[in-house]
Amino acid sequence: MEAPPLDRKLAAILAADVEGYSRLMHVNEVRTLATLTSHRTIVDGIIERAKGEIFGTAGDSVLAEFPSIVLAFNAAVAMQQSIWRANQALPDEERMSFRIGINVGDVLVKNGDIFGDGVNIAARLEGMADVGGICVTRGVRDHLRDRVDATFEDLGEQTFKNIARPLRVFRVQFDQKADPLIDGPESRFPPLDDRSDKGTWGQHAEPISTDYGTPDDMQQVEIAYWDSVRESNDPNEYRQYLTRYPNGKFVDLAQARLENGKPSTEELAVEVAFWDTVRSDGNAAMIEAYLAKYPRGQFCDLARLMLAGPGR
């Protein structure tokens, strides 16, 4: 079989990665995935608006190519500014920040993906960046020096693994709290306001717009969030859900938990076991039986979605 042709081109490459992602996943996988989904929507939207193309999205990392260095740089700054704002709605232990590296260089294009030293250097630069920060090569700095509202701190020549020559690296100095030059989609978390530093998670949480994003995407984020709180014995968890999702799918259940107290562990176990059987079977009669037995159960909304699904 003949190998696919390799194309070469000069490109501005942006590599981004979540700082401390493994730590966040270890603490709470469901909440971390929900936050990543929301933050990635912001990041992907900014890249699209800056005419970038995403090539790699392995887990918490992003690799994108841009038609110009200025567009790549403006996208990187807007990403960091937008993510900083989104994080203000979260408690400190759940905030998720990115590191970003930008390089310009020759890349190989094969089967719709990009390879080569140009890509590897961008990834190494990302590893050098501060949390919420950006690092660039000298070539990027020289091109941007008089074109952007930022300064560049010289970090000197750096040696990177699997890169033949030392590279001059610069740390970008920019106003993280400024309004982004490139607007991405609104965060599912509330915008920054003067209440963002009052201390408690309940005070940080505010309603999330339910007309933003695709319905399936929003539904998955809400379900992930609900799954993270539904086993809690803390009534504040349910209040937080109601604040974030005032029109959510589990509002009645959260309110019932607040009014009547959380069901016993034994009751929950019986319901979960019954639901596992219903879900595995997928039979409409079984789903209706679950709804009849647990009219305000943990899985009522999912059961109704299954009944309303294609082919029902």
Protein backbone atom coordinates (compact mmCIF):
# COMPACT_ATOMS: atom_id res chain seq x y z
CA MET A 1 0.00 0.00 0.00
CA GLU A 2 1.37 3.39 -0.96
CA ALA A 3 2.07 5.72 1.95
CA PRO A 4 -0.08 8.87 2.14
CA PRO A 5 1.72 11.96 0.78
CA LEU A 6 3.38 14.28 3.25
CA ASP A 7 2.87 18.02 2.90
CA ARG A 8 4.96 20.69 4.54
CA LYS A 9 3.90 24.19 5.49
CA LEU A 10 4.84 27.06 7.75
CA ALA A 11 2.35 27.48 10.58
CA ALA A 12 1.75 29.19 13.91
CA ILE A 13 1.22 26.42 16.45
CA LEU A 14 -0.53 26.77 19.81
CA ALA A 15 -0.25 24.03 22.44
CA ALA A 16 -2.30 24.21 25.63
CA ASP A 17 -2.60 21.91 28.61
CA VAL A 18 -4.48 21.93 31.91
CA GLU A 19 -2.24 22.47 34.93
CA GLY A 20 -2.72 19.84 37.65
CA TYR A 21 -5.30 17.85 35.70
CA SER A 22 -4.36 14.51 37.27
CA ARG A 23 -4.66 16.02 40.74
CA LEU A 24 -8.11 17.43 39.95
CA MET A 25 -9.27 14.08 38.55
CA HIS A 26 -8.03 12.28 41.65
CA VAL A 27 -10.06 14.60 43.90
CA ASN A 28 -13.31 14.45 41.92
CA GLU A 29 -13.52 12.95 38.44
CA VAL A 30 -17.09 13.97 37.67
CA ARG A 31 -16.72 17.62 38.60
CA THR A 32 -13.36 17.84 36.84
CA LEU A 33 -14.83 16.48 33.62
CA ALA A 34 -17.77 18.88 33.87
CA THR A 35 -15.40 21.83 34.35
CA LEU A 36 -13.18 20.65 31.51
CA THR A 37 -16.20 20.38 29.21
CA SER A 38 -17.21 23.95 30.02
CA HIS A 39 -13.69 25.38 29.72
CA ARG A 40 -13.03 23.52 26.48
CA THR A 41 -16.18 25.02 24.97
CA ILE A 42 -14.73 28.46 25.69
CA VAL A 43 -11.29 27.54 24.34
CA ASP A 44 -12.58 25.84 21.20
CA GLY A 45 -14.88 28.76 20.43
CA ILE A 46 -12.04 31.27 20.68
CA ILE A 47 -9.81 29.16 18.44
CA GLU A 48 -12.58 28.97 15.84
CA ARG A 49 -13.15 32.73 15.93
CA ALA A 50 -9.42 33.31 15.46
CA LYS A 51 -9.53 31.14 12.31
CA GLY A 52 -7.57 28.39 13.99
CA GLU A 53 -7.91 24.67 13.39
CA ILE A 54 -7.76 22.14 16.21
CA PHE A 55 -5.67 19.07 15.40
CA GLY A 56 -5.18 17.30 18.70
CA THR A 57 -7.34 17.10 21.85
CA ALA A 58 -5.90 14.28 23.93
CA GLY A 59 -7.69 14.51 27.26
CA ASP A 60 -6.87 17.88 28.78
CA SER A 61 -4.55 19.11 25.99
CA VAL A 62 -5.23 21.17 22.86
CA LEU A 63 -3.10 21.53 19.72
CA ALA A 64 -4.17 24.12 17.16
CA GLU A 65 -2.76 25.71 14.01
CA PHE A 66 -3.37 29.31 12.90
CA PRO A 67 -2.83 31.12 9.59
CA SER A 68 -0.88 33.91 11.34
CA ILE A 69 1.19 34.45 14.46
CA VAL A 70 -0.92 37.45 15.49
CA LEU A 71 -4.12 35.38 15.39
CA ALA A 72 -2.50 32.59 17.41
CA PHE A 73 -1.24 35.05 20.00
CA ASN A 74 -4.53 36.92 20.31
CA ALA A 75 -6.35 33.60 20.71
CA ALA A 76 -3.94 32.50 23.45
CA VAL A 77 -4.39 35.72 25.43
CA ALA A 78 -8.18 35.61 25.01
CA MET A 79 -8.23 32.00 26.18
CA GLN A 80 -6.33 32.81 29.36
CA GLN A 81 -8.45 35.88 30.08
CA SER A 82 -11.71 34.02 29.48
CA ILE A 83 -10.69 31.02 31.56
CA TRP A 84 -9.60 33.31 34.38
CA ARG A 85 -13.07 34.85 34.39
CA ALA A 86 -14.78 31.47 34.30
CA ASN A 87 -12.70 30.30 37.24
CA GLN A 88 -13.90 33.14 39.46
CA ALA A 89 -17.25 31.34 39.74
CA LEU A 90 -15.59 28.23 41.17
CA PRO A 91 -14.12 27.46 44.60
CA ASP A 92 -10.32 27.51 44.64
CA GLU A 93 -9.97 23.73 44.77
CA GLU A 94 -12.03 23.27 41.58
CA ARG A 95 -10.48 25.97 39.41
CA MET A 96 -8.88 24.76 36.21
CA SER A 97 -6.14 26.76 34.48
CA PHE A 98 -4.18 26.29 31.27
CA ARG A 99 -0.54 26.74 30.28
CA ILE A 100 0.05 27.75 26.66
CA GLY A 101 3.03 27.65 24.31
CA ILE A 102 3.23 29.25 20.84
CA ASN A 103 5.77 28.50 18.13
CA VAL A 104 6.07 29.28 14.44
CA GLY A 105 7.80 26.75 12.27
CA ASP A 106 7.74 24.11 9.59
CA VAL A 107 5.26 21.28 10.14
CA LEU A 108 4.38 18.05 8.37
CA VAL A 109 0.77 17.40 7.43
CA LYS A 110 -0.39 13.79 7.14
CA ASN A 111 -3.93 12.40 7.18
CA GLY A 112 -5.28 15.65 8.54
CA ASP A 113 -2.82 15.81 11.44
CA ILE A 114 0.37 17.83 12.00
CA PHE A 115 3.79 16.64 13.15
CA GLY A 116 7.38 17.73 13.42
CA ASP A 117 9.69 19.90 15.50
CA GLY A 118 7.39 22.90 15.11
CA VAL A 119 4.72 21.02 17.04
CA ASN A 120 7.13 19.53 19.59
CA ILE A 121 8.59 22.94 20.41
CA ALA A 122 5.14 24.43 21.06
CA ALA A 123 4.43 21.55 23.46
CA ARG A 124 7.74 22.10 25.30
CA LEU A 125 7.01 25.83 25.61
CA GLU A 126 3.63 25.07 27.14
CA GLY A 127 5.40 23.06 29.84
CA MET A 128 7.54 26.10 30.72
CA ALA A 129 4.63 28.53 31.00
CA ASP A 130 3.25 29.71 34.32
CA VAL A 131 -0.22 28.64 35.38
CA GLY A 132 -2.54 30.83 33.30
CA GLY A 133 0.48 32.03 31.33
CA ILE A 134 2.00 31.91 27.84
CA CYS A 135 5.53 31.23 26.59
CA VAL A 136 6.77 31.87 23.03
CA THR A 137 9.92 31.46 20.97
CA ARG A 138 12.12 34.33 19.81
CA GLY A 139 10.69 34.08 16.30
CA VAL A 140 7.19 34.64 17.66
CA ARG A 141 8.35 37.49 19.91
CA ASP A 142 10.16 39.25 17.07
CA HIS A 143 7.08 39.10 14.87
CA LEU A 144 4.75 40.37 17.60
CA ARG A 145 6.92 42.94 19.34
CA ASP A 146 5.24 46.06 17.95
CA ARG A 147 1.88 44.55 17.05
CA VAL A 148 0.31 43.49 20.34
CA ASP A 149 -0.46 45.00 23.72
CA ALA A 150 1.95 42.85 25.72
CA THR A 151 5.57 42.70 26.81
CA PHE A 152 7.98 39.78 26.68
CA GLU A 153 10.28 38.66 29.49
CA ASP A 154 13.48 37.05 28.19
CA LEU A 155 14.02 33.66 29.86
CA GLY A 156 17.25 33.03 27.96
CA GLU A 157 18.24 30.01 25.91
CA GLN A 158 16.57 26.77 26.91
CA THR A 159 17.40 23.19 25.99
CA PHE A 160 14.51 20.83 25.32
CA LYS A 161 14.38 17.08 25.06
CA ASN A 162 14.54 15.80 21.46
CA ILE A 163 15.14 19.32 20.10
CA ALA A 164 18.58 19.58 18.52
CA ARG A 165 19.36 23.21 19.30
CA PRO A 166 18.79 25.54 22.26
CA LEU A 167 15.89 27.97 21.86
CA ARG A 168 15.43 31.50 23.16
CA VAL A 169 12.22 31.57 25.19
CA PHE A 170 10.09 34.53 26.28
CA ARG A 171 7.36 34.74 28.91
CA VAL A 172 4.40 36.89 27.82
CA GLN A 173 3.35 39.64 30.23
CA PHE A 174 -0.33 40.55 29.72
CA ASP A 175 -3.32 41.67 31.75
CA GLN A 176 -5.13 38.47 32.61
CA LYS A 177 -8.11 40.39 34.00
CA ALA A 178 -8.69 42.52 30.90
CA ASP A 179 -11.59 41.97 28.51
CA PRO A 180 -10.65 39.40 25.83
CA LEU A 181 -9.96 40.79 22.35
CA ILE A 182 -11.53 37.66 20.86
CA ASP A 183 -14.91 36.70 22.28
CA GLY A 184 -15.52 33.04 22.84
CA PRO A 185 -18.83 31.47 23.84
CA GLU A 186 -20.04 32.51 27.28
CA SER A 187 -18.88 30.27 30.06
CA ARG A 188 -21.45 27.96 31.58
CA PHE A 189 -20.20 29.46 34.81
CA PRO A 190 -21.37 32.99 35.67
CA PRO A 191 -19.42 36.06 34.57
CA LEU A 192 -17.12 37.77 37.02
CA ASP A 193 -18.80 40.38 39.17
CA ASP A 194 -18.22 42.16 42.46
CA ARG A 195 -19.54 39.16 44.40
CA SER A 196 -16.80 36.80 43.24
CA ASP A 197 -14.62 37.15 46.34
CA LYS A 198 -17.12 36.67 49.14
CA GLY A 199 -15.66 33.38 50.18
CA THR A 200 -18.11 30.46 50.05
CA TRP A 201 -19.01 28.16 47.22
CA GLY A 202 -22.72 28.86 47.65
CA GLN A 203 -22.06 32.58 47.20
CA HIS A 204 -19.96 31.91 44.11
CA ALA A 205 -22.57 29.75 42.43
CA GLU A 206 -25.00 31.57 40.18
CA PRO A 207 -27.54 30.44 37.58
CA ILE A 208 -26.12 29.06 34.37
CA SER A 209 -27.74 30.05 31.11
CA THR A 210 -29.67 27.09 29.76
CA ASP A 211 -29.90 28.53 26.25
CA TYR A 212 -26.15 28.23 25.72
CA GLY A 213 -24.48 25.37 23.88
CA THR A 214 -26.17 22.38 22.29
CA PRO A 215 -28.95 20.76 24.33
CA ASP A 216 -27.09 17.44 24.52
CA ASP A 217 -23.91 19.15 25.68
CA MET A 218 -25.67 21.14 28.38
CA GLN A 219 -27.60 18.07 29.50
CA GLN A 220 -24.42 16.04 29.93
CA VAL A 221 -22.77 18.77 32.00
CA GLU A 222 -25.80 19.05 34.26
CA ILE A 223 -26.07 15.27 34.69
CA ALA A 224 -22.38 15.09 35.54
CA TYR A 225 -22.81 17.81 38.13
CA TRP A 226 -25.89 16.16 39.64
CA ASP A 227 -24.10 12.81 39.82
CA SER A 228 -21.38 14.51 41.85
CA VAL A 229 -23.80 15.83 44.50
CA ARG A 230 -26.70 13.37 44.67
CA GLU A 231 -24.97 11.08 47.18
CA SER A 232 -24.12 13.97 49.49
CA ASN A 233 -25.48 14.36 53.00
CA ASP A 234 -24.76 18.08 52.90
CA PRO A 235 -27.84 20.21 52.10
CA ASN A 236 -25.52 22.93 50.78
CA GLU A 237 -24.70 20.64 47.85
CA TYR A 238 -28.36 20.64 46.81
CA ARG A 239 -28.63 24.40 47.28
CA GLN A 240 -25.61 24.82 45.03
CA TYR A 241 -27.23 22.67 42.36
CA LEU A 242 -30.45 24.71 42.56
CA THR A 243 -28.48 27.94 42.29
CA ARG A 244 -26.53 26.75 39.26
CA TYR A 245 -29.48 25.09 37.53
CA PRO A 246 -32.68 26.88 38.63
CA ASN A 247 -34.53 25.29 35.70
CA GLY A 248 -32.61 22.04 35.70
CA LYS A 249 -33.85 18.50 35.23
CA PHE A 250 -33.28 17.53 38.86
CA VAL A 251 -34.76 20.62 40.55
CA ASP A 252 -37.74 18.77 42.04
CA LEU A 253 -35.50 16.06 43.43
CA ALA A 254 -33.03 18.55 44.92
CA GLN A 255 -35.88 20.50 46.54
CA ALA A 256 -37.37 17.30 47.91
CA ARG A 257 -34.02 16.36 49.42
CA LEU A 258 -33.87 19.75 51.14
CA GLU A 259 -37.45 19.53 52.39
CA ASN A 260 -37.56 15.90 53.46
CA GLY A 261 -33.97 15.04 54.10
CA LYS A 262 -31.85 12.61 52.15
CA PRO A 263 -33.15 9.04 51.79
CA SER A 264 -31.38 6.41 53.86
CA THR A 265 -28.43 4.55 52.43
CA GLU A 266 -30.50 1.38 52.27
CA GLU A 267 -33.32 3.11 50.34
CA LEU A 268 -30.84 4.56 47.88
CA ALA A 269 -29.18 1.18 47.38
CA VAL A 270 -32.51 -0.48 46.60
CA GLU A 271 -33.42 2.24 44.10
CA VAL A 272 -30.02 2.12 42.42
CA ALA A 273 -30.19 -1.65 42.09
CA PHE A 274 -33.67 -1.42 40.57
CA TRP A 275 -32.54 1.29 38.16
CA ASP A 276 -29.50 -0.74 37.07
CA THR A 277 -31.87 -3.54 36.10
CA VAL A 278 -34.17 -1.13 34.26
CA ARG A 279 -31.33 0.53 32.37
CA SER A 280 -29.78 -2.78 31.33
CA ASP A 281 -33.12 -4.13 30.14
CA GLY A 282 -34.19 -0.94 28.33
CA ASN A 283 -37.78 -2.19 28.23
CA ALA A 284 -40.42 0.55 28.21
CA ALA A 285 -42.61 -1.33 30.68
CA MET A 286 -39.71 -1.60 33.12
CA ILE A 287 -38.96 2.10 32.76
CA GLU A 288 -42.60 2.94 33.48
CA ALA A 289 -42.52 0.62 36.47
CA TYR A 290 -39.51 2.50 37.83
CA LEU A 291 -41.30 5.84 37.40
CA ALA A 292 -44.37 4.48 39.17
CA LYS A 293 -42.34 3.14 42.07
CA TYR A 294 -40.03 6.17 42.36
CA PRO A 295 -41.99 9.18 41.06
CA ARG A 296 -39.34 11.48 42.54
CA GLY A 297 -36.42 9.12 42.25
CA GLN A 298 -32.82 9.90 41.36
CA PHE A 299 -33.18 8.69 37.78
CA CYS A 300 -36.65 9.94 36.84
CA ASP A 301 -35.41 12.43 34.28
CA LEU A 302 -33.16 9.86 32.63
CA ALA A 303 -36.04 7.39 32.60
CA ARG A 304 -38.31 9.93 30.87
CA LEU A 305 -35.55 10.68 28.36
CA MET A 306 -35.27 6.96 27.58
CA LEU A 307 -39.02 6.72 27.08
CA ALA A 308 -38.96 9.74 24.75
CA GLY A 309 -35.94 8.49 22.79
CA PRO A 310 -35.90 7.37 19.15
CA GLY A 311 -38.02 4.35 18.41
CA ARG A 312 -40.29 4.80 21.44
